[in-house]
N, C-alpha and C. Protein backbone atom coordinates (compact mmCIF):
# COMPACT_ATOMS: atom_id res chain seq x y z
N MET A 1 -60.93 -0.16 -21.45
CA MET A 1 -61.27 0.59 -20.24
C MET A 1 -61.71 -0.40 -19.17
N ILE A 2 -61.38 -0.05 -17.93
CA ILE A 2 -61.77 -0.84 -16.77
C ILE A 2 -62.43 0.11 -15.76
N THR A 3 -63.55 -0.32 -15.20
CA THR A 3 -64.25 0.51 -14.21
C THR A 3 -64.21 -0.19 -12.86
N CYS A 4 -63.81 0.57 -11.87
CA CYS A 4 -63.79 0.09 -10.50
C CYS A 4 -65.12 0.44 -9.85
N TYR A 5 -65.76 -0.59 -9.33
CA TYR A 5 -67.03 -0.46 -8.61
C TYR A 5 -66.72 -0.65 -7.13
N LEU A 6 -67.00 0.38 -6.35
CA LEU A 6 -66.77 0.30 -4.90
C LEU A 6 -68.12 0.32 -4.20
N ARG A 7 -68.31 -0.66 -3.35
CA ARG A 7 -69.52 -0.73 -2.52
C ARG A 7 -69.07 -0.55 -1.08
N TYR A 8 -69.55 0.51 -0.47
CA TYR A 8 -69.18 0.86 0.89
C TYR A 8 -70.30 0.48 1.85
N GLU A 9 -69.92 -0.11 2.96
CA GLU A 9 -70.83 -0.17 4.11
C GLU A 9 -70.38 0.97 5.00
N ILE A 10 -71.28 1.92 5.21
CA ILE A 10 -70.94 3.12 5.97
C ILE A 10 -71.72 3.17 7.27
N ASP A 11 -71.24 4.01 8.16
CA ASP A 11 -71.97 4.27 9.40
C ASP A 11 -73.06 5.28 9.07
N PRO A 12 -74.33 4.91 9.16
CA PRO A 12 -75.39 5.84 8.76
C PRO A 12 -75.46 7.10 9.63
N TYR A 13 -74.83 7.06 10.79
CA TYR A 13 -74.79 8.24 11.65
C TYR A 13 -73.64 9.16 11.30
N LYS A 14 -72.82 8.74 10.32
CA LYS A 14 -71.67 9.55 9.91
C LYS A 14 -71.71 9.82 8.40
N ILE A 15 -72.91 9.95 7.86
CA ILE A 15 -73.07 10.19 6.43
C ILE A 15 -72.41 11.50 6.00
N ASP A 16 -72.45 12.53 6.85
CA ASP A 16 -71.81 13.80 6.51
C ASP A 16 -70.30 13.64 6.37
N GLN A 17 -69.70 12.85 7.25
CA GLN A 17 -68.26 12.60 7.15
C GLN A 17 -67.93 11.78 5.91
N PHE A 18 -68.78 10.79 5.60
CA PHE A 18 -68.54 10.01 4.39
C PHE A 18 -68.64 10.90 3.16
N GLU A 19 -69.61 11.78 3.13
CA GLU A 19 -69.76 12.69 1.98
C GLU A 19 -68.52 13.58 1.83
N GLU A 20 -68.00 14.05 2.94
CA GLU A 20 -66.77 14.86 2.90
C GLU A 20 -65.61 14.04 2.35
N TYR A 21 -65.49 12.80 2.82
CA TYR A 21 -64.45 11.89 2.32
C TYR A 21 -64.61 11.66 0.82
N ALA A 22 -65.83 11.40 0.37
CA ALA A 22 -66.09 11.15 -1.04
C ALA A 22 -65.69 12.35 -1.89
N LYS A 23 -66.02 13.54 -1.43
CA LYS A 23 -65.68 14.75 -2.19
C LYS A 23 -64.17 14.94 -2.32
N MET A 24 -63.40 14.38 -1.39
CA MET A 24 -61.94 14.45 -1.50
C MET A 24 -61.44 13.62 -2.68
N TRP A 25 -62.08 12.46 -2.90
CA TRP A 25 -61.55 11.50 -3.86
C TRP A 25 -61.88 11.81 -5.31
N ILE A 26 -62.96 12.48 -5.59
CA ILE A 26 -63.32 12.74 -6.99
C ILE A 26 -62.19 13.48 -7.72
N PRO A 27 -61.69 14.60 -7.22
CA PRO A 27 -60.59 15.26 -7.94
C PRO A 27 -59.28 14.47 -7.89
N LEU A 28 -59.08 13.66 -6.85
CA LEU A 28 -57.84 12.89 -6.76
C LEU A 28 -57.77 11.81 -7.82
N VAL A 29 -58.87 11.11 -8.05
CA VAL A 29 -58.89 10.10 -9.11
C VAL A 29 -58.63 10.77 -10.45
N ASN A 30 -59.29 11.90 -10.69
CA ASN A 30 -59.10 12.62 -11.94
C ASN A 30 -57.66 13.14 -12.08
N LYS A 31 -57.05 13.53 -10.98
CA LYS A 31 -55.66 14.01 -10.97
C LYS A 31 -54.70 12.95 -11.51
N PHE A 32 -55.01 11.70 -11.25
CA PHE A 32 -54.13 10.60 -11.65
C PHE A 32 -54.65 9.88 -12.90
N GLU A 33 -55.29 10.66 -13.79
CA GLU A 33 -55.68 10.19 -15.12
C GLU A 33 -56.80 9.16 -15.12
N GLY A 34 -57.56 9.13 -14.05
CA GLY A 34 -58.77 8.33 -14.03
C GLY A 34 -59.96 9.21 -14.36
N THR A 35 -61.11 8.60 -14.50
CA THR A 35 -62.35 9.33 -14.69
C THR A 35 -63.30 8.90 -13.59
N HIS A 36 -63.60 9.83 -12.70
CA HIS A 36 -64.51 9.51 -11.61
C HIS A 36 -65.94 9.75 -12.09
N HIS A 37 -66.80 8.77 -11.88
CA HIS A 37 -68.19 8.86 -12.31
C HIS A 37 -69.12 9.27 -11.17
N GLY A 38 -68.57 9.48 -9.98
CA GLY A 38 -69.35 9.96 -8.86
C GLY A 38 -69.63 8.93 -7.79
N TYR A 39 -70.27 9.40 -6.74
CA TYR A 39 -70.70 8.58 -5.61
C TYR A 39 -72.22 8.57 -5.56
N TRP A 40 -72.76 7.49 -5.08
CA TRP A 40 -74.20 7.37 -4.85
C TRP A 40 -74.39 7.08 -3.37
N LEU A 41 -75.09 7.99 -2.72
CA LEU A 41 -75.28 7.92 -1.27
C LEU A 41 -76.67 7.38 -0.95
N PRO A 42 -76.86 6.85 0.25
CA PRO A 42 -78.18 6.32 0.62
C PRO A 42 -79.27 7.39 0.48
N TYR A 43 -80.39 6.94 -0.01
CA TYR A 43 -81.53 7.86 -0.14
C TYR A 43 -82.80 7.19 0.37
N GLU A 44 -83.13 6.06 -0.20
CA GLU A 44 -84.33 5.30 0.19
C GLU A 44 -83.87 3.84 0.31
N GLY A 45 -84.39 3.13 1.26
CA GLY A 45 -83.97 1.75 1.46
C GLY A 45 -82.82 1.68 2.46
N ALA A 46 -81.83 0.85 2.16
CA ALA A 46 -80.69 0.68 3.08
C ALA A 46 -80.01 2.03 3.33
N ASN A 47 -79.78 2.32 4.60
CA ASN A 47 -79.17 3.60 4.95
C ASN A 47 -77.68 3.50 5.22
N ASN A 48 -77.10 2.34 4.93
CA ASN A 48 -75.68 2.14 5.23
C ASN A 48 -74.87 1.67 4.02
N ILE A 49 -75.40 1.84 2.82
CA ILE A 49 -74.70 1.43 1.61
C ILE A 49 -74.49 2.63 0.70
N ALA A 50 -73.26 2.80 0.22
CA ALA A 50 -72.92 3.83 -0.75
C ALA A 50 -72.09 3.18 -1.85
N ILE A 51 -72.09 3.80 -3.01
CA ILE A 51 -71.39 3.23 -4.17
C ILE A 51 -70.58 4.33 -4.84
N ALA A 52 -69.44 3.95 -5.41
CA ALA A 52 -68.64 4.85 -6.25
C ALA A 52 -68.20 4.09 -7.49
N LEU A 53 -68.06 4.80 -8.58
CA LEU A 53 -67.56 4.23 -9.83
C LEU A 53 -66.49 5.16 -10.40
N PHE A 54 -65.37 4.59 -10.83
CA PHE A 54 -64.38 5.36 -11.57
C PHE A 54 -63.66 4.43 -12.53
N SER A 55 -63.14 5.01 -13.61
CA SER A 55 -62.55 4.22 -14.68
C SER A 55 -61.12 4.64 -14.98
N PHE A 56 -60.36 3.67 -15.48
CA PHE A 56 -59.02 3.89 -16.01
C PHE A 56 -58.93 3.19 -17.35
N GLN A 57 -57.95 3.58 -18.14
CA GLN A 57 -57.82 3.00 -19.47
C GLN A 57 -57.52 1.51 -19.43
N SER A 58 -56.89 1.04 -18.36
CA SER A 58 -56.53 -0.38 -18.26
C SER A 58 -56.32 -0.73 -16.79
N LEU A 59 -56.24 -2.03 -16.52
CA LEU A 59 -55.93 -2.47 -15.16
C LEU A 59 -54.53 -2.02 -14.78
N LYS A 60 -53.61 -2.01 -15.74
CA LYS A 60 -52.26 -1.54 -15.48
C LYS A 60 -52.28 -0.07 -15.04
N ALA A 61 -53.08 0.76 -15.72
CA ALA A 61 -53.19 2.18 -15.35
C ALA A 61 -53.76 2.31 -13.94
N TYR A 62 -54.72 1.45 -13.58
CA TYR A 62 -55.27 1.48 -12.23
C TYR A 62 -54.19 1.09 -11.21
N GLU A 63 -53.41 0.08 -11.52
CA GLU A 63 -52.35 -0.35 -10.60
C GLU A 63 -51.31 0.76 -10.42
N GLU A 64 -51.00 1.50 -11.49
CA GLU A 64 -50.08 2.63 -11.38
C GLU A 64 -50.68 3.72 -10.50
N TYR A 65 -51.98 3.95 -10.64
CA TYR A 65 -52.70 4.91 -9.80
C TYR A 65 -52.56 4.51 -8.33
N ARG A 66 -52.75 3.23 -8.03
CA ARG A 66 -52.64 2.77 -6.63
C ARG A 66 -51.25 3.04 -6.07
N MET A 67 -50.22 2.87 -6.88
CA MET A 67 -48.86 3.15 -6.41
C MET A 67 -48.67 4.65 -6.18
N LYS A 68 -49.21 5.48 -7.07
CA LYS A 68 -49.05 6.93 -6.94
C LYS A 68 -49.78 7.48 -5.72
N ILE A 69 -50.99 6.98 -5.45
CA ILE A 69 -51.74 7.53 -4.32
C ILE A 69 -51.11 7.19 -2.98
N ALA A 70 -50.32 6.12 -2.96
CA ALA A 70 -49.64 5.75 -1.71
C ALA A 70 -48.59 6.79 -1.33
N GLN A 71 -48.15 7.61 -2.31
CA GLN A 71 -47.11 8.60 -2.08
C GLN A 71 -47.63 10.04 -2.07
N ASP A 72 -48.88 10.24 -2.43
CA ASP A 72 -49.43 11.58 -2.59
C ASP A 72 -49.95 12.13 -1.27
N GLY A 73 -49.56 13.37 -0.94
CA GLY A 73 -49.96 13.98 0.32
C GLY A 73 -51.47 14.18 0.46
N ASP A 74 -52.14 14.61 -0.62
CA ASP A 74 -53.59 14.81 -0.55
C ASP A 74 -54.32 13.48 -0.36
N CYS A 75 -53.82 12.45 -0.99
CA CYS A 75 -54.44 11.12 -0.81
C CYS A 75 -54.23 10.63 0.61
N GLN A 76 -53.06 10.89 1.15
CA GLN A 76 -52.79 10.47 2.53
C GLN A 76 -53.71 11.20 3.51
N LYS A 77 -54.04 12.47 3.22
CA LYS A 77 -54.99 13.21 4.06
C LYS A 77 -56.37 12.55 4.01
N ALA A 78 -56.78 12.12 2.82
CA ALA A 78 -58.08 11.46 2.68
C ALA A 78 -58.10 10.14 3.44
N PHE A 79 -57.03 9.35 3.32
CA PHE A 79 -56.94 8.09 4.06
C PHE A 79 -57.01 8.34 5.57
N LYS A 80 -56.29 9.36 6.02
CA LYS A 80 -56.26 9.69 7.45
C LYS A 80 -57.64 10.12 7.93
N PHE A 81 -58.33 10.93 7.12
CA PHE A 81 -59.69 11.37 7.46
C PHE A 81 -60.61 10.17 7.64
N LYS A 82 -60.52 9.21 6.73
CA LYS A 82 -61.35 7.99 6.82
C LYS A 82 -61.06 7.25 8.13
N GLU A 83 -59.79 7.12 8.48
CA GLU A 83 -59.42 6.40 9.70
C GLU A 83 -59.89 7.15 10.95
N GLU A 84 -59.73 8.45 10.95
CA GLU A 84 -60.10 9.25 12.13
C GLU A 84 -61.61 9.28 12.34
N THR A 85 -62.38 9.39 11.27
CA THR A 85 -63.83 9.50 11.41
C THR A 85 -64.51 8.14 11.53
N ARG A 86 -63.88 7.11 11.02
CA ARG A 86 -64.43 5.74 11.04
C ARG A 86 -65.83 5.73 10.42
N CYS A 87 -65.99 6.51 9.36
CA CYS A 87 -67.29 6.59 8.68
C CYS A 87 -67.55 5.40 7.76
N ILE A 88 -66.50 4.65 7.43
CA ILE A 88 -66.62 3.48 6.56
C ILE A 88 -66.35 2.23 7.37
N LYS A 89 -67.28 1.27 7.29
CA LYS A 89 -67.12 0.01 8.01
C LYS A 89 -66.42 -1.03 7.15
N SER A 90 -66.75 -1.06 5.84
CA SER A 90 -66.09 -2.00 4.93
C SER A 90 -66.23 -1.51 3.50
N ILE A 91 -65.33 -2.01 2.65
CA ILE A 91 -65.32 -1.65 1.22
C ILE A 91 -65.18 -2.94 0.42
N GLU A 92 -66.03 -3.09 -0.58
CA GLU A 92 -65.91 -4.17 -1.55
C GLU A 92 -65.49 -3.54 -2.87
N ARG A 93 -64.50 -4.12 -3.53
CA ARG A 93 -63.99 -3.57 -4.78
C ARG A 93 -64.12 -4.61 -5.87
N SER A 94 -64.74 -4.23 -6.99
CA SER A 94 -64.86 -5.10 -8.15
C SER A 94 -64.44 -4.31 -9.38
N PHE A 95 -63.96 -5.02 -10.38
CA PHE A 95 -63.56 -4.39 -11.63
C PHE A 95 -64.43 -4.93 -12.75
N MET A 96 -64.90 -4.01 -13.59
CA MET A 96 -65.80 -4.38 -14.66
C MET A 96 -65.34 -3.72 -15.95
N LYS A 97 -65.72 -4.32 -17.06
CA LYS A 97 -65.46 -3.70 -18.35
C LYS A 97 -66.81 -3.42 -19.01
N PRO A 98 -66.88 -2.31 -19.74
CA PRO A 98 -68.18 -1.95 -20.34
C PRO A 98 -68.50 -2.79 -21.57
N LEU A 99 -69.77 -2.98 -21.79
CA LEU A 99 -70.27 -3.57 -23.03
C LEU A 99 -71.09 -2.47 -23.68
N LEU A 100 -70.55 -1.90 -24.74
CA LEU A 100 -71.17 -0.77 -25.39
C LEU A 100 -71.55 -1.15 -26.83
N GLU A 101 -72.49 -0.41 -27.39
CA GLU A 101 -72.85 -0.68 -28.78
C GLU A 101 -71.74 -0.28 -29.70
């Protein structure tokens, strides 16, 4: 399993738009055989950082997901929403593997 860790720098004045964007992606990741673990929005401390985590069975499965979302109409709506609202300033993406007992 591979988990994608996304760290967003968001516009703190557009948190409602970011939340709407985030809610679009949870079912979309799951639609393409991923497991979305949710979003974490600012609460205390930095008001411009949000995080998301989702997993796929392998890096290959994640790469296939990336190809599929480029063609999916619902994903394109989410991408367009992000561009129109400009609620996200930057995204950092890292991949991690779990260490479990």
